[in-house]
Amino acid sequence: MELFDAHLHLDDEAFAADRESVVARAVEVGIVGMVTTGSDPPSSRAAVALAERTPGLYAAVGIHPHEAAQVKPEAMADLAGAWRTSESGGRRETGAGLREGVVSPEVQQRAFVQQTSGSVAT
């Protein structure tokens, strides 16, 4: 059986000291591919950069539902650049994380539509 890890945050500072060895150990135990995910424009850019230099690692970029208020024209342009520059990029974190008191469902719904359509309504 081949295993594929579909949701990592390898850009996280917790992996700064041994990121490459984390990936190497995963491959060693049989992981055939991994997706490192961004939750906002900076972490999405970091995910793309890491995927571009790491065989078997792919990037998914987007804005996490709890950060839906960040979905503004500048952020969408930044993410669009990441989507275009990465052969391995996908869109992610476009669902609704409806934990009470984080971001209103209306803001999350608008962010979902904007990220999945690639446009930003002002």
PDB file of N, CA and C in Angstrom:
ATOM      1  N   MET A   1       0.841  -1.163   0.000  1.00  0.00           N
ATOM      2  CA  MET A   1       0.000   0.000   0.000  1.00  0.00           C
ATOM      3  C   MET A   1       0.895   1.237   0.000  1.00  0.00           C
ATOM      4  N   GLU A   2       0.544   2.202  -0.869  1.00  0.00           N
ATOM      5  CA  GLU A   2       1.266   3.466  -0.894  1.00  0.00           C
ATOM      6  C   GLU A   2       0.508   4.491  -0.062  1.00  0.00           C
ATOM      7  N   LEU A   3       1.251   5.307   0.658  1.00  0.00           N
ATOM      8  CA  LEU A   3       0.649   6.331   1.511  1.00  0.00           C
ATOM      9  C   LEU A   3       1.013   7.717   0.998  1.00  0.00           C
ATOM     10  N   PHE A   4       0.046   8.618   1.071  1.00  0.00           N
ATOM     11  CA  PHE A   4       0.228   9.998   0.635  1.00  0.00           C
ATOM     12  C   PHE A   4      -0.327  10.886   1.744  1.00  0.00           C
ATOM     13  N   ASP A   5       0.495  11.782   2.277  1.00  0.00           N
ATOM     14  CA  ASP A   5       0.047  12.683   3.337  1.00  0.00           C
ATOM     15  C   ASP A   5      -0.497  13.950   2.686  1.00  0.00           C
ATOM     16  N   ALA A   6      -1.793  14.168   2.806  1.00  0.00           N
ATOM     17  CA  ALA A   6      -2.459  15.240   2.073  1.00  0.00           C
ATOM     18  C   ALA A   6      -2.569  16.559   2.830  1.00  0.00           C
ATOM     19  N   HIS A   7      -2.020  16.648   4.039  1.00  0.00           N
ATOM     20  CA  HIS A   7      -2.162  17.911   4.771  1.00  0.00           C
ATOM     21  C   HIS A   7      -1.048  18.070   5.802  1.00  0.00           C
ATOM     22  N   LEU A   8      -0.038  18.823   5.412  1.00  0.00           N
ATOM     23  CA  LEU A   8       1.087  19.138   6.297  1.00  0.00           C
ATOM     24  C   LEU A   8       1.257  20.643   6.370  1.00  0.00           C
ATOM     25  N   HIS A   9       1.984  21.084   7.365  1.00  0.00           N
ATOM     26  CA  HIS A   9       2.372  22.495   7.465  1.00  0.00           C
ATOM     27  C   HIS A   9       3.886  22.538   7.664  1.00  0.00           C
ATOM     28  N   LEU A  10       4.614  22.055   6.664  1.00  0.00           N
ATOM     29  CA  LEU A  10       6.070  21.975   6.773  1.00  0.00           C
ATOM     30  C   LEU A  10       6.751  23.334   6.811  1.00  0.00           C
ATOM     31  N   ASP A  11       6.040  24.390   6.434  1.00  0.00           N
ATOM     32  CA  ASP A  11       6.625  25.728   6.521  1.00  0.00           C
ATOM     33  C   ASP A  11       6.645  26.231   7.956  1.00  0.00           C
ATOM     34  N   ASP A  12       5.973  25.532   8.860  1.00  0.00           N
ATOM     35  CA  ASP A  12       5.892  25.952  10.253  1.00  0.00           C
ATOM     36  C   ASP A  12       7.290  26.042  10.872  1.00  0.00           C
ATOM     37  N   GLU A  13       7.457  27.032  11.708  1.00  0.00           N
ATOM     38  CA  GLU A  13       8.750  27.269  12.372  1.00  0.00           C
ATOM     39  C   GLU A  13       9.214  26.054  13.186  1.00  0.00           C
ATOM     40  N   ALA A  14       8.284  25.225  13.639  1.00  0.00           N
ATOM     41  CA  ALA A  14       8.647  24.032  14.409  1.00  0.00           C
ATOM     42  C   ALA A  14       9.540  23.088  13.610  1.00  0.00           C
ATOM     43  N   PHE A  15       9.486  23.172  12.283  1.00  0.00           N
ATOM     44  CA  PHE A  15      10.289  22.299  11.432  1.00  0.00           C
ATOM     45  C   PHE A  15      11.554  22.974  10.909  1.00  0.00           C
ATOM     46  N   ALA A  16      11.807  24.188  11.305  1.00  0.00           N
ATOM     47  CA  ALA A  16      12.924  24.964  10.747  1.00  0.00           C
ATOM     48  C   ALA A  16      14.262  24.244  10.881  1.00  0.00           C
ATOM     49  N   ALA A  17      14.509  23.618  11.994  1.00  0.00           N
ATOM     50  CA  ALA A  17      15.819  22.999  12.235  1.00  0.00           C
ATOM     51  C   ALA A  17      16.017  21.690  11.488  1.00  0.00           C
ATOM     52  N   ASP A  18      14.937  20.985  11.172  1.00  0.00           N
ATOM     53  CA  ASP A  18      15.113  19.659  10.572  1.00  0.00           C
ATOM     54  C   ASP A  18      14.092  19.326   9.494  1.00  0.00           C
ATOM     55  N   ARG A  19      13.624  20.330   8.783  1.00  0.00           N
ATOM     56  CA  ARG A  19      12.586  20.152   7.754  1.00  0.00           C
ATOM     57  C   ARG A  19      12.972  19.061   6.747  1.00  0.00           C
ATOM     58  N   GLU A  20      14.191  19.137   6.239  1.00  0.00           N
ATOM     59  CA  GLU A  20      14.622  18.154   5.228  1.00  0.00           C
ATOM     60  C   GLU A  20      14.656  16.740   5.796  1.00  0.00           C
ATOM     61  N   SER A  21      15.077  16.600   7.061  1.00  0.00           N
ATOM     62  CA  SER A  21      15.119  15.260   7.641  1.00  0.00           C
ATOM     63  C   SER A  21      13.710  14.734   7.932  1.00  0.00           C
ATOM     64  N   VAL A  22      12.762  15.620   8.212  1.00  0.00           N
ATOM     65  CA  VAL A  22      11.370  15.199   8.390  1.00  0.00           C
ATOM     66  C   VAL A  22      10.861  14.590   7.088  1.00  0.00           C
ATOM     67  N   VAL A  23      11.123  15.271   5.983  1.00  0.00           N
ATOM     68  CA  VAL A  23      10.704  14.766   4.672  1.00  0.00           C
ATOM     69  C   VAL A  23      11.420  13.453   4.369  1.00  0.00           C
ATOM     70  N   ALA A  24      12.714  13.394   4.621  1.00  0.00           N
ATOM     71  CA  ALA A  24      13.488  12.174   4.351  1.00  0.00           C
ATOM     72  C   ALA A  24      12.954  10.994   5.159  1.00  0.00           C
ATOM     73  N   ARG A  25      12.628  11.218   6.425  1.00  0.00           N
ATOM     74  CA  ARG A  25      12.094  10.134   7.256  1.00  0.00           C
ATOM     75  C   ARG A  25      10.734   9.667   6.736  1.00  0.00           C
ATOM     76  N   ALA A  26       9.913  10.598   6.274  1.00  0.00           N
ATOM     77  CA  ALA A  26       8.607  10.214   5.723  1.00  0.00           C
ATOM     78  C   ALA A  26       8.787   9.322   4.501  1.00  0.00           C
ATOM     79  N   VAL A  27       9.694   9.701   3.624  1.00  0.00           N
ATOM     80  CA  VAL A  27       9.969   8.897   2.425  1.00  0.00           C
ATOM     81  C   VAL A  27      10.521   7.530   2.834  1.00  0.00           C
ATOM     82  N   GLU A  28      11.387   7.525   3.819  1.00  0.00           N
ATOM     83  CA  GLU A  28      12.008   6.292   4.315  1.00  0.00           C
ATOM     84  C   GLU A  28      10.976   5.269   4.804  1.00  0.00           C
ATOM     85  N   VAL A  29       9.891   5.748   5.400  1.00  0.00           N
ATOM     86  CA  VAL A  29       8.878   4.826   5.914  1.00  0.00           C
ATOM     87  C   VAL A  29       7.770   4.545   4.909  1.00  0.00           C
ATOM     88  N   GLY A  30       7.919   5.053   3.676  1.00  0.00           N
ATOM     89  CA  GLY A  30       6.998   4.681   2.618  1.00  0.00           C
ATOM     90  C   GLY A  30       6.004   5.735   2.163  1.00  0.00           C
ATOM     91  N   ILE A  31       6.122   6.956   2.631  1.00  0.00           N
ATOM     92  CA  ILE A  31       5.226   8.014   2.144  1.00  0.00           C
ATOM     93  C   ILE A  31       5.667   8.366   0.728  1.00  0.00           C
ATOM     94  N   VAL A  32       4.761   8.269  -0.239  1.00  0.00           N
ATOM     95  CA  VAL A  32       5.137   8.501  -1.639  1.00  0.00           C
ATOM     96  C   VAL A  32       4.941   9.943  -2.089  1.00  0.00           C
ATOM     97  N   GLY A  33       4.220  10.715  -1.315  1.00  0.00           N
ATOM     98  CA  GLY A  33       4.009  12.117  -1.649  1.00  0.00           C
ATOM     99  C   GLY A  33       3.368  12.837  -0.481  1.00  0.00           C
ATOM    100  N   MET A  34       3.500  14.163  -0.483  1.00  0.00           N
ATOM    101  CA  MET A  34       2.971  14.975   0.606  1.00  0.00           C
ATOM    102  C   MET A  34       2.505  16.316   0.046  1.00  0.00           C
ATOM    103  N   VAL A  35       1.516  16.902   0.727  1.00  0.00           N
ATOM    104  CA  VAL A  35       1.042  18.241   0.384  1.00  0.00           C
ATOM    105  C   VAL A  35       1.253  19.129   1.604  1.00  0.00           C
ATOM    106  N   THR A  36       2.068  20.157   1.429  1.00  0.00           N
ATOM    107  CA  THR A  36       2.226  21.148   2.488  1.00  0.00           C
ATOM    108  C   THR A  36       1.310  22.313   2.163  1.00  0.00           C
ATOM    109  N   THR A  37       0.606  22.782   3.170  1.00  0.00           N
ATOM    110  CA  THR A  37      -0.468  23.738   2.942  1.00  0.00           C
ATOM    111  C   THR A  37      -0.169  25.105   3.537  1.00  0.00           C
ATOM    112  N   GLY A  38      -0.613  26.124   2.844  1.00  0.00           N
ATOM    113  CA  GLY A  38      -0.540  27.486   3.357  1.00  0.00           C
ATOM    114  C   GLY A  38      -1.904  27.892   3.870  1.00  0.00           C
ATOM    115  N   SER A  39      -1.914  28.750   4.882  1.00  0.00           N
ATOM    116  CA  SER A  39      -3.169  29.203   5.473  1.00  0.00           C
ATOM    117  C   SER A  39      -3.427  30.686   5.262  1.00  0.00           C
ATOM    118  N   ASP A  40      -2.451  31.354   4.657  1.00  0.00           N
ATOM    119  CA  ASP A  40      -2.541  32.786   4.372  1.00  0.00           C
ATOM    120  C   ASP A  40      -1.495  33.067   3.292  1.00  0.00           C
ATOM    121  N   PRO A  41      -1.438  34.272   2.745  1.00  0.00           N
ATOM    122  CA  PRO A  41      -0.458  34.512   1.674  1.00  0.00           C
ATOM    123  C   PRO A  41       0.997  34.198   2.047  1.00  0.00           C
ATOM    124  N   PRO A  42       1.518  34.638   3.208  1.00  0.00           N
ATOM    125  CA  PRO A  42       2.922  34.316   3.501  1.00  0.00           C
ATOM    126  C   PRO A  42       3.193  32.813   3.632  1.00  0.00           C
ATOM    127  N   SER A  43       2.323  32.094   4.340  1.00  0.00           N
ATOM    128  CA  SER A  43       2.574  30.656   4.490  1.00  0.00           C
ATOM    129  C   SER A  43       2.324  29.924   3.172  1.00  0.00           C
ATOM    130  N   SER A  44       1.459  30.450   2.323  1.00  0.00           N
ATOM    131  CA  SER A  44       1.247  29.852   1.003  1.00  0.00           C
ATOM    132  C   SER A  44       2.477  30.015   0.124  1.00  0.00           C
ATOM    133  N   ARG A  45       3.086  31.206   0.149  1.00  0.00           N
ATOM    134  CA  ARG A  45       4.337  31.413  -0.608  1.00  0.00           C
ATOM    135  C   ARG A  45       5.424  30.476  -0.097  1.00  0.00           C
ATOM    136  N   ALA A  46       5.516  30.322   1.223  1.00  0.00           N
ATOM    137  CA  ALA A  46       6.517  29.429   1.805  1.00  0.00           C
ATOM    138  C   ALA A  46       6.274  27.988   1.386  1.00  0.00           C
ATOM    139  N   ALA A  47       5.007  27.569   1.349  1.00  0.00           N
ATOM    140  CA  ALA A  47       4.674  26.203   0.938  1.00  0.00           C
ATOM    141  C   ALA A  47       5.082  25.956  -0.511  1.00  0.00           C
ATOM    142  N   VAL A  48       4.802  26.919  -1.383  1.00  0.00           N
ATOM    143  CA  VAL A  48       5.177  26.783  -2.799  1.00  0.00           C
ATOM    144  C   VAL A  48       6.696  26.700  -2.937  1.00  0.00           C
ATOM    145  N   ALA A  49       7.413  27.568  -2.251  1.00  0.00           N
ATOM    146  CA  ALA A  49       8.883  27.567  -2.333  1.00  0.00           C
ATOM    147  C   ALA A  49       9.448  26.231  -1.859  1.00  0.00           C
ATOM    148  N   LEU A  50       8.911  25.712  -0.786  1.00  0.00           N
ATOM    149  CA  LEU A  50       9.380  24.426  -0.258  1.00  0.00           C
ATOM    150  C   LEU A  50       9.070  23.296  -1.233  1.00  0.00           C
ATOM    151  N   ALA A  51       7.871  23.287  -1.794  1.00  0.00           N
ATOM    152  CA  ALA A  51       7.496  22.233  -2.739  1.00  0.00           C
ATOM    153  C   ALA A  51       8.351  22.281  -3.998  1.00  0.00           C
ATOM    154  N   GLU A  52       8.699  23.480  -4.440  1.00  0.00           N
ATOM    155  CA  GLU A  52       9.493  23.601  -5.669  1.00  0.00           C
ATOM    156  C   GLU A  52      10.902  23.037  -5.519  1.00  0.00           C
ATOM    157  N   ARG A  53      11.399  22.962  -4.296  1.00  0.00           N
ATOM    158  CA  ARG A  53      12.757  22.438  -4.109  1.00  0.00           C
ATOM    159  C   ARG A  53      12.797  21.053  -3.455  1.00  0.00           C
ATOM    160  N   THR A  54      11.602  20.443  -3.262  1.00  0.00           N
ATOM    161  CA  THR A  54      11.549  19.153  -2.583  1.00  0.00           C
ATOM    162  C   THR A  54      10.793  18.140  -3.433  1.00  0.00           C
ATOM    163  N   PRO A  55      11.482  17.138  -3.983  1.00  0.00           N
ATOM    164  CA  PRO A  55      10.795  16.119  -4.781  1.00  0.00           C
ATOM    165  C   PRO A  55       9.725  15.393  -3.960  1.00  0.00           C
ATOM    166  N   GLY A  56       8.567  15.165  -4.572  1.00  0.00           N
ATOM    167  CA  GLY A  56       7.486  14.453  -3.907  1.00  0.00           C
ATOM    168  C   GLY A  56       6.643  15.307  -2.974  1.00  0.00           C
ATOM    169  N   LEU A  57       6.980  16.587  -2.888  1.00  0.00           N
ATOM    170  CA  LEU A  57       6.215  17.492  -2.041  1.00  0.00           C
ATOM    171  C   LEU A  57       5.442  18.458  -2.931  1.00  0.00           C
ATOM    172  N   TYR A  58       4.184  18.622  -2.651  1.00  0.00           N
ATOM    173  CA  TYR A  58       3.312  19.511  -3.408  1.00  0.00           C
ATOM    174  C   TYR A  58       2.808  20.611  -2.479  1.00  0.00           C
ATOM    175  N   ALA A  59       2.363  21.703  -3.061  1.00  0.00           N
ATOM    176  CA  ALA A  59       1.858  22.816  -2.260  1.00  0.00           C
ATOM    177  C   ALA A  59       0.398  23.078  -2.586  1.00  0.00           C
ATOM    178  N   ALA A  60      -0.343  23.449  -1.560  1.00  0.00           N
ATOM    179  CA  ALA A  60      -1.708  23.942  -1.729  1.00  0.00           C
ATOM    180  C   ALA A  60      -1.767  25.286  -1.020  1.00  0.00           C
ATOM    181  N   VAL A  61      -2.359  26.262  -1.675  1.00  0.00           N
ATOM    182  CA  VAL A  61      -2.357  27.613  -1.131  1.00  0.00           C
ATOM    183  C   VAL A  61      -3.771  28.131  -0.938  1.00  0.00           C
ATOM    184  N   GLY A  62      -3.935  29.011   0.011  1.00  0.00           N
ATOM    185  CA  GLY A  62      -5.237  29.604   0.266  1.00  0.00           C
ATOM    186  C   GLY A  62      -5.249  30.334   1.590  1.00  0.00           C
ATOM    187  N   ILE A  63      -6.409  30.780   1.965  1.00  0.00           N
ATOM    188  CA  ILE A  63      -6.604  31.457   3.233  1.00  0.00           C
ATOM    189  C   ILE A  63      -7.564  30.627   4.069  1.00  0.00           C
ATOM    190  N   HIS A  64      -7.127  30.268   5.257  1.00  0.00           N
ATOM    191  CA  HIS A  64      -7.920  29.439   6.164  1.00  0.00           C
ATOM    192  C   HIS A  64      -9.237  30.145   6.485  1.00  0.00           C
ATOM    193  N   PRO A  65     -10.332  29.385   6.649  1.00  0.00           N
ATOM    194  CA  PRO A  65     -11.624  30.007   6.948  1.00  0.00           C
ATOM    195  C   PRO A  65     -11.599  30.929   8.168  1.00  0.00           C
ATOM    196  N   HIS A  66     -10.783  30.600   9.150  1.00  0.00           N
ATOM    197  CA  HIS A  66     -10.726  31.444  10.343  1.00  0.00           C
ATOM    198  C   HIS A  66     -10.010  32.765  10.077  1.00  0.00           C
ATOM    199  N   GLU A  67      -9.366  32.871   8.930  1.00  0.00           N
ATOM    200  CA  GLU A  67      -8.689  34.106   8.517  1.00  0.00           C
ATOM    201  C   GLU A  67      -9.414  34.734   7.325  1.00  0.00           C
ATOM    202  N   ALA A  68     -10.687  34.385   7.156  1.00  0.00           N
ATOM    203  CA  ALA A  68     -11.448  34.790   5.971  1.00  0.00           C
ATOM    204  C   ALA A  68     -11.504  36.302   5.774  1.00  0.00           C
ATOM    205  N   ALA A  69     -11.373  37.051   6.832  1.00  0.00           N
ATOM    206  CA  ALA A  69     -11.405  38.510   6.695  1.00  0.00           C
ATOM    207  C   ALA A  69     -10.206  39.019   5.899  1.00  0.00           C
ATOM    208  N   GLN A  70      -9.152  38.188   5.750  1.00  0.00           N
ATOM    209  CA  GLN A  70      -7.972  38.571   4.960  1.00  0.00           C
ATOM    210  C   GLN A  70      -8.212  38.506   3.454  1.00  0.00           C
ATOM    211  N   VAL A  71      -9.321  37.936   3.027  1.00  0.00           N
ATOM    212  CA  VAL A  71      -9.576  37.771   1.602  1.00  0.00           C
ATOM    213  C   VAL A  71      -9.951  39.131   1.020  1.00  0.00           C
ATOM    214  N   LYS A  72      -8.917  39.834   0.620  1.00  0.00           N
ATOM    215  CA  LYS A  72      -9.023  41.168   0.035  1.00  0.00           C
ATOM    216  C   LYS A  72      -8.299  41.126  -1.318  1.00  0.00           C
ATOM    217  N   PRO A  73      -8.481  42.117  -2.162  1.00  0.00           N
ATOM    218  CA  PRO A  73      -7.848  42.090  -3.484  1.00  0.00           C
ATOM    219  C   PRO A  73      -6.336  41.835  -3.443  1.00  0.00           C
ATOM    220  N   GLU A  74      -5.626  42.466  -2.490  1.00  0.00           N
ATOM    221  CA  GLU A  74      -4.166  42.280  -2.432  1.00  0.00           C
ATOM    222  C   GLU A  74      -3.806  40.833  -2.097  1.00  0.00           C
ATOM    223  N   ALA A  75      -4.529  40.257  -1.141  1.00  0.00           N
ATOM    224  CA  ALA A  75      -4.254  38.871  -0.753  1.00  0.00           C
ATOM    225  C   ALA A  75      -4.568  37.914  -1.892  1.00  0.00           C
ATOM    226  N   MET A  76      -5.672  38.158  -2.589  1.00  0.00           N
ATOM    227  CA  MET A  76      -6.021  37.286  -3.707  1.00  0.00           C
ATOM    228  C   MET A  76      -5.002  37.398  -4.835  1.00  0.00           C
ATOM    229  N   ALA A  77      -4.483  38.590  -5.092  1.00  0.00           N
ATOM    230  CA  ALA A  77      -3.450  38.759  -6.120  1.00  0.00           C
ATOM    231  C   ALA A  77      -2.195  38.002  -5.713  1.00  0.00           C
ATOM    232  N   ASP A  78      -1.850  38.066  -4.438  1.00  0.00           N
ATOM    233  CA  ASP A  78      -0.686  37.352  -3.922  1.00  0.00           C
ATOM    234  C   ASP A  78      -0.867  35.847  -4.104  1.00  0.00           C
ATOM    235  N   LEU A  79      -2.047  35.351  -3.759  1.00  0.00           N
ATOM    236  CA  LEU A  79      -2.309  33.920  -3.908  1.00  0.00           C
ATOM    237  C   LEU A  79      -2.348  33.504  -5.370  1.00  0.00           C
ATOM    238  N   ALA A  80      -2.909  34.353  -6.218  1.00  0.00           N
ATOM    239  CA  ALA A  80      -2.951  34.038  -7.650  1.00  0.00           C
ATOM    240  C   ALA A  80      -1.539  33.883  -8.191  1.00  0.00           C
ATOM    241  N   GLY A  81      -0.627  34.715  -7.720  1.00  0.00           N
ATOM    242  CA  GLY A  81       0.770  34.585  -8.120  1.00  0.00           C
ATOM    243  C   GLY A  81       1.348  33.255  -7.686  1.00  0.00           C
ATOM    244  N   ALA A  82       1.020  32.823  -6.492  1.00  0.00           N
ATOM    245  CA  ALA A  82       1.501  31.523  -6.006  1.00  0.00           C
ATOM    246  C   ALA A  82       0.890  30.394  -6.815  1.00  0.00           C
ATOM    247  N   TRP A  83      -0.403  30.491  -7.152  1.00  0.00           N
ATOM    248  CA  TRP A  83      -1.040  29.450  -7.957  1.00  0.00           C
ATOM    249  C   TRP A  83      -0.385  29.351  -9.325  1.00  0.00           C
ATOM    250  N   ARG A  84      -0.069  30.493  -9.915  1.00  0.00           N
ATOM    251  CA  ARG A  84       0.520  30.487 -11.266  1.00  0.00           C
ATOM    252  C   ARG A  84       1.955  30.006 -11.277  1.00  0.00           C
ATOM    253  N   THR A  85       2.732  30.310 -10.244  1.00  0.00           N
ATOM    254  CA  THR A  85       4.151  29.981 -10.279  1.00  0.00           C
ATOM    255  C   THR A  85       4.450  28.551  -9.870  1.00  0.00           C
ATOM    256  N   SER A  86       3.499  27.872  -9.302  1.00  0.00           N
ATOM    257  CA  SER A  86       3.754  26.521  -8.833  1.00  0.00           C
ATOM    258  C   SER A  86       3.077  25.493  -9.721  1.00  0.00           C
ATOM    259  N   GLU A  87       3.882  24.604 -10.263  1.00  0.00           N
ATOM    260  CA  GLU A  87       3.320  23.505 -11.047  1.00  0.00           C
ATOM    261  C   GLU A  87       2.573  22.539 -10.147  1.00  0.00           C
ATOM    262  N   SER A  88       2.945  22.523  -8.861  1.00  0.00           N
ATOM    263  CA  SER A  88       2.338  21.563  -7.952  1.00  0.00           C
ATOM    264  C   SER A  88       1.261  22.184  -7.081  1.00  0.00           C
ATOM    265  N   GLY A  89       0.860  23.415  -7.364  1.00  0.00           N
ATOM    266  CA  GLY A  89      -0.050  24.117  -6.474  1.00  0.00           C
ATOM    267  C   GLY A  89      -1.499  23.729  -6.640  1.00  0.00           C
ATOM    268  N   GLY A  90      -2.196  23.778  -5.574  1.00  0.00           N
ATOM    269  CA  GLY A  90      -3.631  23.580  -5.557  1.00  0.00           C
ATOM    270  C   GLY A  90      -4.240  24.621  -4.643  1.00  0.00           C
ATOM    271  N   ARG A  91      -5.534  24.699  -4.648  1.00  0.00           N
ATOM    272  CA  ARG A  91      -6.208  25.622  -3.739  1.00  0.00           C
ATOM    273  C   ARG A  91      -6.680  24.833  -2.521  1.00  0.00           C
ATOM    274  N   ARG A  92      -6.616  25.489  -1.368  1.00  0.00           N
ATOM    275  CA  ARG A  92      -7.010  24.801  -0.144  1.00  0.00           C
ATOM    276  C   ARG A  92      -7.583  25.790   0.851  1.00  0.00           C
ATOM    277  N   GLU A  93      -8.036  25.257   1.975  1.00  0.00           N
ATOM    278  CA  GLU A  93      -8.567  26.053   3.073  1.00  0.00           C
ATOM    279  C   GLU A  93      -9.673  26.987   2.612  1.00  0.00           C
ATOM    280  N   THR A  94     -10.505  26.504   1.719  1.00  0.00           N
ATOM    281  CA  THR A  94     -11.573  27.352   1.223  1.00  0.00           C
ATOM    282  C   THR A  94     -12.935  26.947   1.778  1.00  0.00           C
ATOM    283  N   GLY A  95     -12.941  26.038   2.722  1.00  0.00           N
ATOM    284  CA  GLY A  95     -14.204  25.604   3.303  1.00  0.00           C
ATOM    285  C   GLY A  95     -14.704  26.580   4.347  1.00  0.00           C
ATOM    286  N   ALA A  96     -15.549  26.093   5.199  1.00  0.00           N
ATOM    287  CA  ALA A  96     -16.081  26.921   6.278  1.00  0.00           C
ATOM    288  C   ALA A  96     -15.711  26.280   7.610  1.00  0.00           C
ATOM    289  N   GLY A  97     -14.958  26.997   8.400  1.00  0.00           N
ATOM    290  CA  GLY A  97     -14.595  26.549   9.744  1.00  0.00           C
ATOM    291  C   GLY A  97     -15.478  27.293  10.718  1.00  0.00           C
ATOM    292  N   LEU A  98     -16.662  26.829  10.912  1.00  0.00           N
ATOM    293  CA  LEU A  98     -17.687  27.611  11.591  1.00  0.00           C
ATOM    294  C   LEU A  98     -17.593  27.564  13.110  1.00  0.00           C
ATOM    295  N   ARG A  99     -16.386  27.576  13.639  1.00  0.00           N
ATOM    296  CA  ARG A  99     -16.221  27.645  15.082  1.00  0.00           C
ATOM    297  C   ARG A  99     -16.765  28.992  15.558  1.00  0.00           C
ATOM    298  N   GLU A 100     -17.580  28.952  16.561  1.00  0.00           N
ATOM    299  CA  GLU A 100     -18.259  30.162  17.036  1.00  0.00           C
ATOM    300  C   GLU A 100     -17.265  31.228  17.492  1.00  0.00           C
ATOM    301  N   GLY A 101     -17.544  32.459  17.085  1.00  0.00           N
ATOM    302  CA  GLY A 101     -16.757  33.593  17.544  1.00  0.00           C
ATOM    303  C   GLY A 101     -15.467  33.844  16.795  1.00  0.00           C
ATOM    304  N   VAL A 102     -15.165  33.070  15.755  1.00  0.00           N
ATOM    305  CA  VAL A 102     -13.913  33.258  15.023  1.00  0.00           C
ATOM    306  C   VAL A 102     -14.134  34.255  13.895  1.00  0.00           C
ATOM    307  N   VAL A 103     -14.869  33.873  12.885  1.00  0.00           N
ATOM    308  CA  VAL A 103     -15.229  34.737  11.755  1.00  0.00           C
ATOM    309  C   VAL A 103     -16.670  34.399  11.390  1.00  0.00           C
ATOM    310  N   SER A 104     -17.455  35.399  11.080  1.00  0.00           N
ATOM    311  CA  SER A 104     -18.873  35.147  10.807  1.00  0.00           C
ATOM    312  C   SER A 104     -19.047  34.222   9.602  1.00  0.00           C
ATOM    313  N   PRO A 105     -20.110  33.431   9.608  1.00  0.00           N
ATOM    314  CA  PRO A 105     -20.382  32.554   8.471  1.00  0.00           C
ATOM    315  C   PRO A 105     -20.510  33.335   7.159  1.00  0.00           C
ATOM    316  N   GLU A 106     -21.040  34.541   7.204  1.00  0.00           N
ATOM    317  CA  GLU A 106     -21.201  35.348   5.986  1.00  0.00           C
ATOM    318  C   GLU A 106     -19.835  35.717   5.392  1.00  0.00           C
ATOM    319  N   VAL A 107     -18.894  36.097   6.242  1.00  0.00           N
ATOM    320  CA  VAL A 107     -17.546  36.440   5.769  1.00  0.00           C
ATOM    321  C   VAL A 107     -16.867  35.201   5.208  1.00  0.00           C
ATOM    322  N   GLN A 108     -17.034  34.059   5.874  1.00  0.00           N
ATOM    323  CA  GLN A 108     -16.436  32.819   5.386  1.00  0.00           C
ATOM    324  C   GLN A 108     -17.045  32.402   4.052  1.00  0.00           C
ATOM    325  N   GLN A 109     -18.355  32.554   3.919  1.00  0.00           N
ATOM    326  CA  GLN A 109     -18.997  32.194   2.653  1.00  0.00           C
ATOM    327  C   GLN A 109     -18.473  33.073   1.524  1.00  0.00           C
ATOM    328  N   ARG A 110     -18.366  34.381   1.760  1.00  0.00           N
ATOM    329  CA  ARG A 110     -17.842  35.288   0.737  1.00  0.00           C
ATOM    330  C   ARG A 110     -16.399  34.908   0.378  1.00  0.00           C
ATOM    331  N   ALA A 111     -15.590  34.593   1.391  1.00  0.00           N
ATOM    332  CA  ALA A 111     -14.200  34.191   1.142  1.00  0.00           C
ATOM    333  C   ALA A 111     -14.139  32.892   0.341  1.00  0.00           C
ATOM    334  N   PHE A 112     -15.021  31.952   0.655  1.00  0.00           N
ATOM    335  CA  PHE A 112     -15.080  30.690  -0.073  1.00  0.00           C
ATOM    336  C   PHE A 112     -15.344  30.940  -1.556  1.00  0.00           C
ATOM    337  N   VAL A 113     -16.364  31.743  -1.844  1.00  0.00           N
ATOM    338  CA  VAL A 113     -16.720  32.042  -3.231  1.00  0.00           C
ATOM    339  C   VAL A 113     -15.571  32.747  -3.938  1.00  0.00           C
ATOM    340  N   GLN A 114     -14.948  33.698  -3.283  1.00  0.00           N
ATOM    341  CA  GLN A 114     -13.860  34.452  -3.899  1.00  0.00           C
ATOM    342  C   GLN A 114     -12.656  33.580  -4.184  1.00  0.00           C
ATOM    343  N   GLN A 115     -12.301  32.695  -3.251  1.00  0.00           N
ATOM    344  CA  GLN A 115     -11.135  31.834  -3.467  1.00  0.00           C
ATOM    345  C   GLN A 115     -11.407  30.775  -4.520  1.00  0.00           C
ATOM    346  N   THR A 116     -12.604  30.222  -4.554  1.00  0.00           N
ATOM    347  CA  THR A 116     -12.875  29.167  -5.526  1.00  0.00           C
ATOM    348  C   THR A 116     -13.098  29.728  -6.931  1.00  0.00           C
ATOM    349  N   SER A 117     -13.533  30.993  -7.008  1.00  0.00           N
ATOM    350  CA  SER A 117     -13.739  31.590  -8.318  1.00  0.00           C
ATOM    351  C   SER A 117     -12.513  32.366  -8.788  1.00  0.00           C
ATOM    352  N   GLY A 118     -11.612  32.671  -7.845  1.00  0.00           N
ATOM    353  CA  GLY A 118     -10.428  33.440  -8.194  1.00  0.00           C
ATOM    354  C   GLY A 118     -10.688  34.928  -8.312  1.00  0.00           C
ATOM    355  N   SER A 119     -11.847  35.388  -7.839  1.00  0.00           N
ATOM    356  CA  SER A 119     -12.144  36.820  -7.925  1.00  0.00           C
ATOM    357  C   SER A 119     -12.415  37.357  -6.529  1.00  0.00           C
ATOM    358  N   VAL A 120     -12.353  38.650  -6.405  1.00  0.00           N
ATOM    359  CA  VAL A 120     -12.617  39.288  -5.119  1.00  0.00           C
ATOM    360  C   VAL A 120     -13.669  40.352  -5.302  1.00  0.00           C
ATOM    361  N   ALA A 121     -14.778  40.175  -4.628  1.00  0.00           N
ATOM    362  CA  ALA A 121     -15.815  41.212  -4.646  1.00  0.00           C
ATOM    363  C   ALA A 121     -15.519  42.173  -3.519  1.00  0.00           C
ATOM    364  N   THR A 122     -15.581  43.447  -3.810  1.00  0.00           N
ATOM    365  CA  THR A 122     -15.280  44.432  -2.767  1.00  0.00           C
ATOM    366  C   THR A 122     -16.532  44.942  -2.109  1.00  0.00           C
TER     367      THR A 122
END
